[in-house]
N, C-alpha and C. Protein backbone atom coordinates (compact mmCIF):
# COMPACT_ATOMS: atom_id res chain seq x y z
N MET A 1 30.49 109.60 32.28
CA MET A 1 29.66 110.72 31.92
C MET A 1 29.61 110.82 30.40
N THR A 2 28.44 111.05 29.86
CA THR A 2 28.31 111.18 28.43
C THR A 2 28.15 112.63 28.04
N ALA A 3 28.77 113.00 26.94
CA ALA A 3 28.68 114.38 26.47
C ALA A 3 27.26 114.74 26.09
N SER A 4 26.49 113.77 25.60
CA SER A 4 25.14 114.07 25.13
C SER A 4 24.22 114.57 26.24
N ALA A 5 24.50 114.23 27.47
CA ALA A 5 23.66 114.69 28.58
C ALA A 5 23.80 116.18 28.80
N TRP A 6 24.91 116.76 28.37
CA TRP A 6 25.19 118.17 28.62
C TRP A 6 25.14 119.02 27.37
N THR A 7 24.88 118.44 26.23
CA THR A 7 24.90 119.19 24.98
C THR A 7 23.48 119.60 24.62
N SER A 8 23.30 120.89 24.39
CA SER A 8 21.99 121.41 24.03
C SER A 8 21.69 121.15 22.57
N THR A 9 20.42 121.20 22.24
CA THR A 9 20.02 121.13 20.84
C THR A 9 19.92 122.56 20.32
N PRO A 10 19.98 122.76 18.99
CA PRO A 10 19.94 124.12 18.45
C PRO A 10 18.71 124.91 18.86
N SER A 11 17.61 124.24 19.16
CA SER A 11 16.38 124.95 19.53
C SER A 11 16.43 125.54 20.93
N GLU A 12 17.48 125.28 21.67
CA GLU A 12 17.56 125.75 23.06
C GLU A 12 18.27 127.10 23.12
N SER A 13 17.67 128.10 22.53
CA SER A 13 18.08 129.48 22.44
C SER A 13 19.43 129.85 23.05
N GLY A 14 20.48 129.64 22.30
CA GLY A 14 21.80 130.07 22.74
C GLY A 14 22.42 129.25 23.84
N GLY A 15 21.76 128.22 24.29
CA GLY A 15 22.28 127.43 25.40
C GLY A 15 23.36 126.46 24.99
N ALA A 16 23.46 126.15 23.71
CA ALA A 16 24.42 125.14 23.25
C ALA A 16 25.85 125.52 23.59
N GLU A 17 26.21 126.75 23.35
CA GLU A 17 27.58 127.19 23.62
C GLU A 17 27.91 127.13 25.10
N ARG A 18 27.01 127.62 25.93
CA ARG A 18 27.23 127.60 27.38
C ARG A 18 27.29 126.16 27.90
N SER A 19 26.41 125.33 27.37
CA SER A 19 26.37 123.94 27.79
C SER A 19 27.67 123.22 27.45
N ARG A 20 28.19 123.45 26.25
CA ARG A 20 29.46 122.84 25.86
C ARG A 20 30.60 123.32 26.74
N ALA A 21 30.60 124.62 27.04
CA ALA A 21 31.65 125.18 27.90
C ALA A 21 31.60 124.54 29.29
N GLN A 22 30.40 124.33 29.83
CA GLN A 22 30.27 123.69 31.14
C GLN A 22 30.71 122.23 31.08
N LEU A 23 30.43 121.56 29.97
CA LEU A 23 30.87 120.18 29.80
C LEU A 23 32.39 120.10 29.80
N VAL A 24 33.04 121.02 29.09
CA VAL A 24 34.50 121.05 29.05
C VAL A 24 35.08 121.29 30.44
N GLU A 25 34.50 122.22 31.19
CA GLU A 25 34.99 122.51 32.54
C GLU A 25 34.80 121.32 33.47
N CYS A 26 33.67 120.64 33.36
CA CYS A 26 33.42 119.46 34.19
C CYS A 26 34.40 118.35 33.83
N ALA A 27 34.63 118.13 32.55
CA ALA A 27 35.59 117.12 32.11
C ALA A 27 36.99 117.46 32.60
N ARG A 28 37.35 118.73 32.55
CA ARG A 28 38.66 119.18 33.04
C ARG A 28 38.81 118.86 34.53
N ALA A 29 37.76 119.10 35.30
CA ALA A 29 37.80 118.80 36.74
C ALA A 29 37.97 117.31 36.98
N LEU A 30 37.30 116.48 36.17
CA LEU A 30 37.40 115.03 36.34
C LEU A 30 38.79 114.53 35.94
N VAL A 31 39.36 115.09 34.88
CA VAL A 31 40.70 114.69 34.44
C VAL A 31 41.74 115.02 35.51
N HIS A 32 41.56 116.15 36.17
CA HIS A 32 42.49 116.57 37.22
C HIS A 32 42.15 115.95 38.58
N ARG A 33 41.20 115.03 38.58
CA ARG A 33 40.80 114.28 39.77
C ARG A 33 40.38 115.19 40.93
N CYS A 34 39.66 116.24 40.61
CA CYS A 34 39.12 117.12 41.65
C CYS A 34 38.05 116.36 42.41
N SER A 35 38.04 116.48 43.70
CA SER A 35 37.04 115.77 44.48
C SER A 35 35.81 116.63 44.76
N VAL A 36 35.92 117.93 44.52
CA VAL A 36 34.81 118.86 44.71
C VAL A 36 34.58 119.60 43.40
N ILE A 37 33.34 119.62 42.95
CA ILE A 37 33.00 120.31 41.71
C ILE A 37 31.82 121.24 41.99
N PHE A 38 31.97 122.52 41.66
CA PHE A 38 30.89 123.49 41.82
C PHE A 38 30.23 123.71 40.47
N LEU A 39 28.91 123.63 40.45
CA LEU A 39 28.14 123.79 39.22
C LEU A 39 27.16 124.94 39.41
N ASP A 40 27.27 125.96 38.58
CA ASP A 40 26.40 127.13 38.66
C ASP A 40 25.35 127.06 37.56
N GLU A 41 24.13 126.75 37.94
CA GLU A 41 23.00 126.63 37.01
C GLU A 41 23.35 125.74 35.82
N PRO A 42 23.82 124.51 36.07
CA PRO A 42 24.26 123.67 34.96
C PRO A 42 23.17 123.24 33.99
N THR A 43 21.93 123.25 34.43
CA THR A 43 20.85 122.79 33.55
C THR A 43 20.07 123.95 32.94
N SER A 44 20.41 125.19 33.25
CA SER A 44 19.62 126.32 32.76
C SER A 44 19.57 126.43 31.24
N PRO A 45 20.65 126.12 30.49
CA PRO A 45 20.51 126.22 29.03
C PRO A 45 19.85 124.99 28.40
N LEU A 46 19.51 124.01 29.20
CA LEU A 46 18.97 122.76 28.67
C LEU A 46 17.46 122.72 28.82
N THR A 47 16.80 122.01 27.92
CA THR A 47 15.37 121.76 28.10
C THR A 47 15.14 120.26 28.02
N ALA A 48 15.20 119.69 26.85
CA ALA A 48 14.91 118.27 26.68
C ALA A 48 15.94 117.38 27.37
N ARG A 49 17.17 117.84 27.51
CA ARG A 49 18.23 117.01 28.09
C ARG A 49 18.40 117.21 29.60
N ARG A 50 17.58 118.02 30.21
CA ARG A 50 17.71 118.32 31.64
C ARG A 50 17.69 117.06 32.51
N PRO A 51 16.77 116.10 32.30
CA PRO A 51 16.79 114.89 33.15
C PRO A 51 18.09 114.11 33.01
N ASP A 52 18.67 114.07 31.81
CA ASP A 52 19.95 113.38 31.62
C ASP A 52 21.05 114.04 32.43
N ALA A 53 21.09 115.36 32.43
CA ALA A 53 22.12 116.10 33.17
C ALA A 53 21.98 115.86 34.67
N VAL A 54 20.76 115.85 35.17
CA VAL A 54 20.53 115.59 36.60
C VAL A 54 20.98 114.18 36.94
N ARG A 55 20.71 113.24 36.06
CA ARG A 55 21.14 111.86 36.27
C ARG A 55 22.67 111.76 36.31
N VAL A 56 23.36 112.49 35.44
CA VAL A 56 24.83 112.50 35.43
C VAL A 56 25.36 113.10 36.73
N MET A 57 24.74 114.19 37.20
CA MET A 57 25.18 114.79 38.47
C MET A 57 24.97 113.81 39.62
N GLY A 58 23.87 113.09 39.60
CA GLY A 58 23.63 112.07 40.62
C GLY A 58 24.68 110.97 40.56
N SER A 59 25.10 110.59 39.37
CA SER A 59 26.15 109.57 39.21
C SER A 59 27.48 110.07 39.76
N LEU A 60 27.80 111.33 39.49
CA LEU A 60 29.04 111.90 40.03
C LEU A 60 29.02 111.86 41.56
N ARG A 61 27.88 112.24 42.11
CA ARG A 61 27.74 112.22 43.58
C ARG A 61 27.88 110.80 44.11
N ALA A 62 27.26 109.83 43.43
CA ALA A 62 27.34 108.43 43.86
C ALA A 62 28.77 107.89 43.76
N ASP A 63 29.55 108.46 42.84
CA ASP A 63 30.95 108.04 42.67
C ASP A 63 31.88 108.71 43.67
N GLY A 64 31.31 109.51 44.57
CA GLY A 64 32.12 110.09 45.63
C GLY A 64 32.54 111.53 45.43
N TYR A 65 32.09 112.17 44.36
CA TYR A 65 32.41 113.58 44.16
C TYR A 65 31.49 114.43 45.03
N ALA A 66 32.04 115.50 45.58
CA ALA A 66 31.23 116.47 46.31
C ALA A 66 30.82 117.54 45.31
N LEU A 67 29.53 117.81 45.23
CA LEU A 67 29.03 118.80 44.28
C LEU A 67 28.46 120.00 45.01
N GLY A 68 28.89 121.16 44.62
CA GLY A 68 28.25 122.41 45.01
C GLY A 68 27.36 122.78 43.84
N PHE A 69 26.07 122.80 44.05
CA PHE A 69 25.12 122.91 42.95
C PHE A 69 24.24 124.13 43.17
N ILE A 70 24.35 125.11 42.29
CA ILE A 70 23.54 126.33 42.38
C ILE A 70 22.42 126.22 41.35
N SER A 71 21.18 126.35 41.82
CA SER A 71 20.05 126.25 40.91
C SER A 71 18.83 126.91 41.52
N HIS A 72 17.94 127.36 40.67
CA HIS A 72 16.64 127.85 41.15
C HIS A 72 15.56 126.79 40.92
N ARG A 73 15.96 125.64 40.40
CA ARG A 73 15.02 124.53 40.17
C ARG A 73 15.09 123.57 41.36
N LEU A 74 14.17 123.72 42.28
CA LEU A 74 14.19 122.96 43.53
C LEU A 74 14.10 121.45 43.29
N ASP A 75 13.34 121.01 42.30
CA ASP A 75 13.22 119.57 42.04
C ASP A 75 14.58 118.96 41.70
N GLU A 76 15.40 119.68 40.95
CA GLU A 76 16.74 119.19 40.61
C GLU A 76 17.64 119.15 41.84
N VAL A 77 17.57 120.20 42.63
CA VAL A 77 18.39 120.28 43.84
C VAL A 77 18.07 119.11 44.76
N LEU A 78 16.79 118.87 44.98
CA LEU A 78 16.37 117.79 45.89
C LEU A 78 16.71 116.41 45.33
N ALA A 79 16.77 116.27 44.01
CA ALA A 79 17.06 114.98 43.39
C ALA A 79 18.50 114.54 43.64
N ILE A 80 19.43 115.48 43.80
CA ILE A 80 20.84 115.08 43.94
C ILE A 80 21.48 115.51 45.25
N SER A 81 20.75 116.21 46.09
CA SER A 81 21.36 116.77 47.30
C SER A 81 21.01 116.02 48.55
N ASP A 82 21.96 116.01 49.51
CA ASP A 82 21.62 115.52 50.84
C ASP A 82 21.57 116.68 51.82
N ARG A 83 22.07 117.85 51.42
CA ARG A 83 21.95 119.07 52.22
C ARG A 83 21.66 120.24 51.31
N VAL A 84 20.81 121.16 51.77
CA VAL A 84 20.43 122.32 50.97
C VAL A 84 20.55 123.57 51.82
N THR A 85 21.14 124.61 51.26
CA THR A 85 21.16 125.92 51.90
C THR A 85 20.51 126.90 50.93
N VAL A 86 19.56 127.70 51.42
CA VAL A 86 18.86 128.65 50.58
C VAL A 86 19.40 130.04 50.89
N LEU A 87 19.80 130.74 49.82
CA LEU A 87 20.25 132.13 49.93
C LEU A 87 19.25 132.99 49.19
N ARG A 88 18.87 134.07 49.80
CA ARG A 88 17.94 135.00 49.15
C ARG A 88 18.45 136.40 49.38
N THR A 89 18.77 137.08 48.31
CA THR A 89 19.30 138.42 48.36
C THR A 89 20.52 138.49 49.27
N GLY A 90 21.33 137.45 49.22
CA GLY A 90 22.58 137.44 49.97
C GLY A 90 22.59 136.68 51.26
N PRO A 91 21.77 137.05 52.27
CA PRO A 91 21.87 136.35 53.56
C PRO A 91 21.32 134.94 53.53
N ARG A 92 21.91 134.10 54.34
CA ARG A 92 21.45 132.72 54.50
C ARG A 92 20.13 132.71 55.25
N ARG A 93 19.18 131.92 54.81
CA ARG A 93 17.85 131.88 55.45
C ARG A 93 17.65 130.56 56.13
C-alpha cells in the first residue's frame, strides 16, 4: 500500500488531516496483522486520489483482508465488494 493513495492535496478542503489519520489507522491494522478492517467513508476527503484509494482497497481485498466498507458512493462499493447491504435510516433494506 502506498501512502500517496490516501493522502489528500491541500485543495481538498480539510480532507488532508482526516485522510492522513485514516492512513495511520489502516497501517496500524496491517502491522498488527488484523484480518478484518472497517473503513468508514475512506474516500470522502479525497477527490483526485479517489481512484488510487479504491485500487488500494481492492488490493487489500485480493490479499485476503476482509473489508467492511461504509460509503455513499455506490460505484466504489461495487468496485471492491462481493456483498452489499444497504441501510437507510437505520433498518436494513
